[in-house]
C-alpha cells in the first residue's frame, strides 16, 4: 500500500477530485493549508496590486493499494497541472499496514 500526499492549487481541487473519482479513488482526506514557495501570488485590492509570500493550497492525503499508485499519481498530475510555477508537489510513501476500526480487519481489502 502507498500513501500519496499532494499539495495542489485550490483552484484545481475540483478537477483533481473528479479525476480521482473517475479512476475509482473515492476516499481521501484534504485540508486547506498555507505555505511558502517559489511562487509569489499577487492580489489586487481596490485597484492596488500587492504581493504576498503566503500561498493558499489544498493538501490531499490518499492511501491506495499498490496497483492504484500509478493511476492515482497520473490523475493528480493531469488534472492539477497548469504548467506554471506553484502547481504543487506529490509525495509517495510506503504504508506497512492498515486496519478498519469498525471490524478490526487489516490489509489492502480495508481500502475498498
Protein backbone atom coordinates (compact mmCIF):
# COMPACT_ATOMS: atom_id res chain seq x y z
CA UNK A 1 0.00 0.00 0.00
CA UNK A 2 1.07 3.55 -0.68
CA UNK A 3 0.28 6.89 0.90
CA UNK A 4 0.09 9.65 -1.67
CA UNK A 5 0.21 13.18 -0.35
CA UNK A 6 -0.35 16.03 -2.76
CA UNK A 7 -0.21 19.77 -2.33
CA UNK A 8 -2.18 21.40 -5.14
CA UNK A 9 -3.67 24.75 -6.12
CA UNK A 10 -7.06 25.32 -4.51
CA UNK A 11 -8.41 26.30 -7.93
CA UNK A 12 -7.58 22.80 -9.26
CA UNK A 13 -9.19 20.85 -6.41
CA UNK A 14 -12.50 20.17 -8.20
CA UNK A 15 -10.71 18.87 -11.29
CA UNK A 16 -8.40 16.65 -9.22
CA UNK A 17 -11.30 15.32 -7.13
CA UNK A 18 -13.24 14.47 -10.31
CA UNK A 19 -10.20 12.76 -11.86
CA UNK A 20 -9.69 10.68 -8.71
CA UNK A 21 -13.35 9.62 -8.63
CA UNK A 22 -13.17 8.63 -12.31
CA UNK A 23 -10.35 6.14 -11.62
CA UNK A 24 -12.08 4.71 -8.53
CA UNK A 25 -10.37 6.60 -5.71
CA UNK A 26 -13.44 7.56 -3.71
CA UNK A 27 -11.96 8.14 -0.26
CA UNK A 28 -9.32 10.64 0.75
CA UNK A 29 -8.80 13.41 3.26
CA UNK A 30 -7.93 17.01 2.50
CA UNK A 31 -7.08 20.21 4.30
CA UNK A 32 -6.71 23.86 3.39
CA UNK A 33 -3.10 24.84 4.05
CA UNK A 34 -0.88 27.87 3.66
CA UNK A 35 2.70 27.57 2.55
CA UNK A 36 5.72 29.35 1.24
CA UNK A 37 7.28 28.60 -2.11
CA UNK A 38 8.88 29.98 -5.23
CA UNK A 39 5.61 31.42 -6.49
CA UNK A 40 4.67 34.92 -5.48
CA UNK A 41 0.91 35.21 -5.60
CA UNK A 42 -0.36 38.65 -6.47
CA UNK A 43 -3.56 40.25 -5.14
CA UNK A 44 -5.50 43.30 -6.22
CA UNK A 45 -7.46 45.29 -3.66
CA UNK A 46 -9.30 48.43 -4.73
CA UNK A 47 -7.18 48.68 -7.85
CA UNK A 48 -3.86 48.39 -6.00
CA UNK A 49 -1.65 45.36 -6.73
CA UNK A 50 0.34 43.82 -3.93
CA UNK A 51 2.24 40.57 -3.44
CA UNK A 52 2.26 38.13 -0.56
CA UNK A 53 4.52 35.19 0.16
CA UNK A 54 1.72 33.19 1.85
CA UNK A 55 0.20 30.88 -0.76
CA UNK A 56 -3.15 29.11 -0.24
CA UNK A 57 -3.13 25.42 -1.23
CA UNK A 58 -5.07 22.23 -0.64
CA UNK A 59 -3.33 19.21 0.93
CA UNK A 60 -4.63 15.74 -0.05
CA UNK A 61 -3.85 12.51 1.78
CA UNK A 62 -4.72 9.33 -0.13
CA UNK A 63 -3.94 5.70 0.75
CA UNK A 64 -4.21 3.23 -2.15
CA UNK A 65 -3.26 -0.35 -2.93
CA UNK A 66 -0.04 -0.71 -4.92
CA UNK A 67 -1.92 -1.33 -8.19
CA UNK A 68 -3.59 2.12 -7.89
CA UNK A 69 -0.39 4.08 -7.23
CA UNK A 70 0.47 5.00 -10.83
CA UNK A 71 -3.16 5.69 -11.81
CA UNK A 72 -3.60 7.98 -8.81
CA UNK A 73 -0.42 9.93 -9.47
CA UNK A 74 -1.26 10.28 -13.18
CA UNK A 75 -4.75 11.59 -12.37
CA UNK A 76 -3.36 14.22 -9.99
CA UNK A 77 -0.62 15.27 -12.43
CA UNK A 78 -3.00 15.65 -15.36
CA UNK A 79 -5.86 17.35 -13.51
CA UNK A 80 -3.71 19.53 -11.25
CA UNK A 81 -1.24 20.96 -13.75
CA UNK A 82 -1.36 24.46 -15.18
CA UNK A 83 2.24 24.45 -16.38
CA UNK A 84 3.11 27.39 -14.13
CA UNK A 85 5.31 27.65 -11.06
CA UNK A 86 3.29 26.73 -7.98
CA UNK A 87 1.33 23.74 -9.30
CA UNK A 88 2.40 21.77 -6.22
CA UNK A 89 4.10 18.54 -5.22
CA UNK A 90 3.27 14.85 -4.81
CA UNK A 91 4.92 12.71 -2.12
CA UNK A 92 4.69 8.90 -2.05
CA UNK A 93 5.48 6.74 0.96
CA UNK A 94 5.01 3.08 1.85
CA UNK A 95 2.27 2.04 4.30
CA UNK A 96 3.12 -1.02 6.39
CA UNK A 97 -0.42 -1.91 7.48
CA UNK A 98 -3.95 -0.54 7.63
CA UNK A 99 -6.81 -1.52 9.93
CA UNK A 100 -10.55 -0.93 9.66
CA UNK A 101 -11.62 0.28 13.09
CA UNK A 102 -15.23 -0.91 12.84
CA UNK A 103 -14.44 -4.59 12.13
CA UNK A 104 -10.78 -4.98 13.06
CA UNK A 105 -9.95 -6.17 9.52
CA UNK A 106 -6.47 -5.46 8.28
CA UNK A 107 -4.75 -5.29 4.93
CA UNK A 108 -5.49 -3.93 1.49
CA UNK A 109 -9.12 -5.05 1.39
CA UNK A 110 -9.92 -2.41 4.02
CA UNK A 111 -9.37 0.28 1.37
CA UNK A 112 -12.32 -0.92 -0.72
